[in-house]
């Protein structure tokens, strides 16, 4: 082929897309702001924005308080007592608070929790944002956050412990990036990661780099979820089911949002920037 593929000049490593900087900055600003609140005010904010599956079960008639009490009774005596006290607080108004399926992603349990998500956001959100543009990037991230809440609800519909963290959205970005950053390209074609063609599903299934990466990601995700408390990443166990939900959403939705509809060639820069 005599025509040279379009390739813009290489960008500095730390020249991050504005939408990635703003997203990470917003999460950090919220965490800083929470630190300035009194413990009581911060707890009220947590109750308004964190996702609690049992709220949906109670509000939408999926067994109600009896089902929640039955579930709590299956725990150890001390844990059941603590959870019963928590349930009396988070379920007091009986509201579903449907907005929390999105807003839980704005809060984090600790700086370690926030920084771990920020690292993955920068690493994998950057090529996705450059590929999709700001609007589609934010839409995909939000969809992954919502999918994370849905997966957590399906896995434990009577859970009363509030869930927070952007991990569901970040997992969706990781999955989206896996569609194209591992695409093999000839070494003489200087493509940036976000310029690589999207692979077909069959190609992904046969690409050991993609499968190995996603396998390691899932294994680490589950391990961190089980060890979150001891590692100091969060005050308690991480809802790893939400990570899986976000990952699946990213895998499913990215092909629908990708400017390269036919999964070949290099996206036009103007088209990608429009999002």
Protein backbone atom coordinates (compact mmCIF):
# COMPACT_ATOMS: atom_id res chain seq x y z
CA UNK A 1 0.00 0.00 0.00
CA UNK A 2 1.72 3.20 -1.17
CA UNK A 3 -0.32 5.72 0.82
CA UNK A 4 1.07 6.41 4.29
CA UNK A 5 -1.54 6.18 7.07
CA UNK A 6 -2.42 9.40 8.84
CA UNK A 7 -0.49 9.77 12.08
CA UNK A 8 -0.35 12.96 14.14
CA UNK A 9 2.80 13.99 15.95
CA UNK A 10 3.52 12.10 19.11
CA UNK A 11 2.18 13.74 22.24
CA UNK A 12 4.12 14.14 25.51
CA UNK A 13 3.52 11.35 28.00
CA UNK A 14 1.95 13.67 30.57
CA UNK A 15 -0.18 15.65 28.12
CA UNK A 16 -3.38 14.16 29.49
CA UNK A 17 -6.81 14.80 27.92
CA UNK A 18 -8.68 17.58 29.65
CA UNK A 19 -11.64 15.35 30.49
CA UNK A 20 -9.33 12.91 32.31
CA UNK A 21 -7.72 15.74 34.29
CA UNK A 22 -11.13 17.18 35.17
CA UNK A 23 -12.50 13.79 36.22
CA UNK A 24 -9.54 12.99 38.45
CA UNK A 25 -9.53 16.55 39.78
CA UNK A 26 -13.23 16.40 40.62
CA UNK A 27 -12.81 13.16 42.55
CA UNK A 28 -9.86 14.63 44.46
CA UNK A 29 -11.69 17.89 45.17
CA UNK A 30 -14.69 16.02 46.55
CA UNK A 31 -12.45 13.95 48.82
CA UNK A 32 -10.67 17.08 50.06
CA UNK A 33 -14.02 18.78 50.62
CA UNK A 34 -15.28 15.84 52.66
CA UNK A 35 -12.25 16.20 54.90
CA UNK A 36 -13.35 19.74 55.75
CA UNK A 37 -16.79 18.61 56.89
CA UNK A 38 -17.71 17.61 60.40
CA UNK A 39 -18.04 13.83 60.91
CA UNK A 40 -21.80 14.19 61.25
CA UNK A 41 -22.17 16.20 58.04
CA UNK A 42 -19.88 13.84 56.15
CA UNK A 43 -21.92 10.87 57.32
CA UNK A 44 -25.14 12.53 56.14
CA UNK A 45 -23.49 13.17 52.77
CA UNK A 46 -22.45 9.53 52.62
CA UNK A 47 -26.03 8.43 53.28
CA UNK A 48 -27.31 10.65 50.46
CA UNK A 49 -24.76 9.66 47.82
CA UNK A 50 -23.58 6.11 48.59
CA UNK A 51 -25.29 3.11 47.00
CA UNK A 52 -27.09 0.69 49.35
CA UNK A 53 -28.71 -2.31 47.60
CA UNK A 54 -31.16 -2.95 50.45
CA UNK A 55 -32.78 0.43 49.79
CA UNK A 56 -33.88 -0.77 46.37
CA UNK A 57 -35.11 -4.09 47.74
CA UNK A 58 -37.12 -2.27 50.38
CA UNK A 59 -38.49 0.49 48.15
CA UNK A 60 -39.39 -1.75 45.22
CA UNK A 61 -40.98 -4.52 47.29
CA UNK A 62 -38.31 -7.21 46.94
CA UNK A 63 -38.95 -8.83 50.30
CA UNK A 64 -38.86 -5.68 52.41
CA UNK A 65 -37.55 -5.43 55.95
CA UNK A 66 -38.30 -9.08 56.71
CA UNK A 67 -35.97 -10.21 53.94
CA UNK A 68 -33.27 -7.83 55.15
CA UNK A 69 -33.65 -9.12 58.71
CA UNK A 70 -33.50 -12.73 57.51
CA UNK A 71 -30.31 -12.02 55.58
CA UNK A 72 -28.71 -10.31 58.57
CA UNK A 73 -29.60 -13.29 60.76
CA UNK A 74 -27.36 -15.51 58.63
CA UNK A 75 -24.28 -13.53 59.68
CA UNK A 76 -22.29 -14.05 62.85
CA UNK A 77 -23.86 -12.66 66.00
CA UNK A 78 -21.53 -9.67 66.33
CA UNK A 79 -21.64 -8.81 62.62
CA UNK A 80 -25.43 -9.20 62.54
CA UNK A 81 -25.76 -6.84 65.48
CA UNK A 82 -23.57 -4.20 63.85
CA UNK A 83 -25.35 -4.53 60.50
CA UNK A 84 -28.76 -4.33 62.16
CA UNK A 85 -27.75 -1.03 63.71
CA UNK A 86 -26.51 0.24 60.36
CA UNK A 87 -29.68 -0.94 58.62
CA UNK A 88 -31.82 1.03 61.05
CA UNK A 89 -29.99 4.17 59.90
CA UNK A 90 -29.60 3.71 56.14
CA UNK A 91 -33.12 2.31 55.67
CA UNK A 92 -34.87 4.70 58.05
CA UNK A 93 -36.65 6.78 55.39
CA UNK A 94 -37.51 3.83 53.14
CA UNK A 95 -36.44 5.75 50.02
CA UNK A 96 -34.72 4.07 47.08
CA UNK A 97 -32.46 7.07 46.36
CA UNK A 98 -32.09 5.96 42.76
CA UNK A 99 -29.51 8.66 42.03
CA UNK A 100 -27.03 6.83 44.24
CA UNK A 101 -26.50 4.28 41.44
CA UNK A 102 -24.38 7.05 39.88
CA UNK A 103 -23.27 9.28 42.76
CA UNK A 104 -21.54 6.52 44.73
CA UNK A 105 -18.74 6.79 42.16
CA UNK A 106 -17.90 10.30 43.37
CA UNK A 107 -16.92 9.25 46.90
CA UNK A 108 -13.94 7.29 48.21
CA UNK A 109 -13.18 5.67 51.54
CA UNK A 110 -9.58 6.90 51.83
CA UNK A 111 -6.77 8.57 49.94
CA UNK A 112 -5.35 5.14 49.13
CA UNK A 113 -8.71 4.14 47.63
CA UNK A 114 -8.87 7.35 45.59
CA UNK A 115 -5.26 7.19 44.38
CA UNK A 116 -5.57 3.57 43.27
CA UNK A 117 -8.56 4.50 41.11
CA UNK A 118 -6.86 7.66 39.85
CA UNK A 119 -3.82 5.70 38.64
CA UNK A 120 -5.99 3.33 36.59
CA UNK A 121 -8.13 6.25 35.40
CA UNK A 122 -5.09 8.06 34.02
CA UNK A 123 -3.51 4.93 32.55
CA UNK A 124 -6.55 3.58 30.71
CA UNK A 125 -8.86 6.57 30.61
CA UNK A 126 -6.31 8.54 28.60
CA UNK A 127 -6.33 6.39 25.43
CA UNK A 128 -10.11 5.95 25.69
CA UNK A 129 -10.69 9.72 26.04
CA UNK A 130 -8.41 10.45 23.09
CA UNK A 131 -10.27 7.86 21.05
CA UNK A 132 -13.84 8.81 21.95
CA UNK A 133 -13.72 12.48 22.86
CA UNK A 134 -15.11 14.01 26.08
CA UNK A 135 -18.84 13.35 25.66
CA UNK A 136 -18.59 9.67 24.77
CA UNK A 137 -15.88 9.16 27.38
CA UNK A 138 -18.13 10.52 30.12
CA UNK A 139 -21.11 8.56 28.80
CA UNK A 140 -19.17 5.30 28.84
CA UNK A 141 -17.81 5.99 32.32
CA UNK A 142 -21.29 6.77 33.67
CA UNK A 143 -22.73 3.63 32.08
CA UNK A 144 -19.99 1.53 33.70
CA UNK A 145 -20.68 3.13 37.10
CA UNK A 146 -24.40 2.32 36.73
CA UNK A 147 -23.59 -1.23 35.65
CA UNK A 148 -21.40 -1.57 38.73
CA UNK A 149 -24.30 -0.62 40.97
CA UNK A 150 -26.58 -3.04 39.14
CA UNK A 151 -24.11 -5.90 39.49
CA UNK A 152 -23.66 -5.21 43.20
CA UNK A 153 -27.43 -5.18 43.68
CA UNK A 154 -27.87 -8.48 41.84
CA UNK A 155 -25.07 -10.09 43.85
CA UNK A 156 -26.27 -8.90 47.27
CA UNK A 157 -29.72 -7.25 47.11
CA UNK A 158 -30.06 -6.98 50.89
CA UNK A 159 -26.64 -5.45 51.59
CA UNK A 160 -26.87 -2.49 53.98
CA UNK A 161 -23.23 -1.40 53.90
CA UNK A 162 -22.92 1.73 51.71
CA UNK A 163 -20.84 1.22 48.56
CA UNK A 164 -18.63 4.05 47.28
CA UNK A 165 -15.78 4.43 44.80
CA UNK A 166 -15.19 5.02 41.09
CA UNK A 167 -13.89 1.50 40.51
CA UNK A 168 -16.89 0.44 38.42
CA UNK A 169 -16.33 3.31 36.03
CA UNK A 170 -12.59 2.73 35.92
CA UNK A 171 -13.16 -0.96 35.19
CA UNK A 172 -15.31 0.03 32.23
CA UNK A 173 -12.48 2.18 30.88
CA UNK A 174 -10.02 -0.68 31.30
CA UNK A 175 -12.31 -2.95 29.28
CA UNK A 176 -12.84 -0.28 26.62
CA UNK A 177 -9.10 0.21 26.21
CA UNK A 178 -8.58 -3.54 25.87
CA UNK A 179 -10.48 -3.42 22.56
CA UNK A 180 -7.68 -1.50 20.82
CA UNK A 181 -4.52 -0.82 22.86
CA UNK A 182 -3.29 -4.40 22.35
CA UNK A 183 -4.02 -4.49 18.61
CA UNK A 184 -0.88 -5.71 16.81
CA UNK A 185 0.45 -3.16 14.32
CA UNK A 186 3.57 -3.30 12.13
CA UNK A 187 6.53 -1.57 13.82
CA UNK A 188 6.97 0.77 10.85
CA UNK A 189 3.49 2.27 11.33
CA UNK A 190 3.87 4.84 14.16
CA UNK A 191 0.43 4.65 15.75
CA UNK A 192 -0.35 5.95 19.22
CA UNK A 193 -2.36 3.51 21.39
CA UNK A 194 -5.61 5.43 20.83
CA UNK A 195 -5.09 5.31 17.05
CA UNK A 196 -4.89 1.54 16.78
CA UNK A 197 -7.75 -0.28 15.04
CA UNK A 198 -10.33 -1.92 17.26
CA UNK A 199 -10.10 -5.69 17.20
CA UNK A 200 -13.06 -7.91 16.46
CA UNK A 201 -14.43 -10.04 19.28
CA UNK A 202 -12.93 -13.11 17.64
CA UNK A 203 -9.53 -11.42 17.47
CA UNK A 204 -9.75 -10.47 21.14
CA UNK A 205 -10.66 -14.03 22.07
CA UNK A 206 -7.54 -15.19 20.24
CA UNK A 207 -5.19 -12.49 21.54
CA UNK A 208 -3.24 -13.85 24.53
CA UNK A 209 -2.16 -10.35 25.56
CA UNK A 210 -5.77 -9.20 25.93
CA UNK A 211 -6.92 -12.37 27.67
CA UNK A 212 -3.89 -12.38 29.94
CA UNK A 213 -4.35 -8.73 30.84
CA UNK A 214 -8.07 -9.08 31.60
CA UNK A 215 -7.42 -12.28 33.56
CA UNK A 216 -4.77 -10.60 35.69
CA UNK A 217 -7.02 -7.55 36.13
CA UNK A 218 -9.90 -9.70 37.39
CA UNK A 219 -7.62 -11.71 39.69
CA UNK A 220 -6.09 -8.59 41.19
CA UNK A 221 -9.54 -7.01 41.50
CA UNK A 222 -10.90 -9.95 43.46
CA UNK A 223 -7.76 -10.23 45.60
CA UNK A 224 -7.83 -6.53 46.47
CA UNK A 225 -11.54 -6.82 47.24
CA UNK A 226 -10.85 -9.59 49.74
CA UNK A 227 -7.81 -7.85 51.26
CA UNK A 228 -9.01 -4.24 51.12
CA UNK A 229 -9.32 -3.86 54.88
CA UNK A 230 -5.90 -5.31 55.80
CA UNK A 231 -4.22 -3.36 52.99
CA UNK A 232 -5.77 -0.07 54.15
CA UNK A 233 -7.30 0.63 50.74
CA UNK A 234 -10.78 0.94 52.24
CA UNK A 235 -12.40 0.71 55.61
CA UNK A 236 -13.90 -2.66 54.74
CA UNK A 237 -14.27 -5.15 51.92
CA UNK A 238 -14.53 -3.77 48.38
CA UNK A 239 -17.62 -4.72 46.36
CA UNK A 240 -15.69 -6.46 43.60
CA UNK A 241 -18.96 -7.42 41.88
CA UNK A 242 -19.31 -3.75 40.93
CA UNK A 243 -15.92 -3.92 39.24
CA UNK A 244 -17.09 -6.90 37.20
CA UNK A 245 -20.27 -5.07 36.21
CA UNK A 246 -18.28 -2.06 35.04
CA UNK A 247 -15.86 -4.28 33.13
CA UNK A 248 -18.68 -6.04 31.27
CA UNK A 249 -20.32 -2.69 30.46
CA UNK A 250 -17.09 -1.39 28.97
CA UNK A 251 -16.68 -4.50 26.85
CA UNK A 252 -20.26 -4.33 25.60
CA UNK A 253 -20.60 -0.59 24.97
CA UNK A 254 -17.27 0.51 23.54
CA UNK A 255 -17.89 -0.93 20.04
CA UNK A 256 -21.13 1.07 19.90
CA UNK A 257 -19.33 4.32 20.74
CA UNK A 258 -16.11 3.81 18.80
CA UNK A 259 -15.68 6.26 15.88
CA UNK A 260 -14.12 3.36 13.96
CA UNK A 261 -17.37 1.54 13.27
CA UNK A 262 -15.76 -1.01 10.96
CA UNK A 263 -12.87 -1.72 13.33
CA UNK A 264 -10.22 -0.97 10.70
CA UNK A 265 -7.98 1.98 9.88
CA UNK A 266 -7.26 5.06 11.96
CA UNK A 267 -10.01 7.38 13.30
CA UNK A 268 -10.20 10.88 11.95
CA UNK A 269 -8.91 13.24 14.65
CA UNK A 270 -11.75 15.75 14.23
CA UNK A 271 -14.37 13.00 14.48
CA UNK A 272 -12.82 11.59 17.67
CA UNK A 273 -12.57 15.04 19.28
CA UNK A 274 -16.26 15.74 18.66
CA UNK A 275 -17.22 12.73 20.86
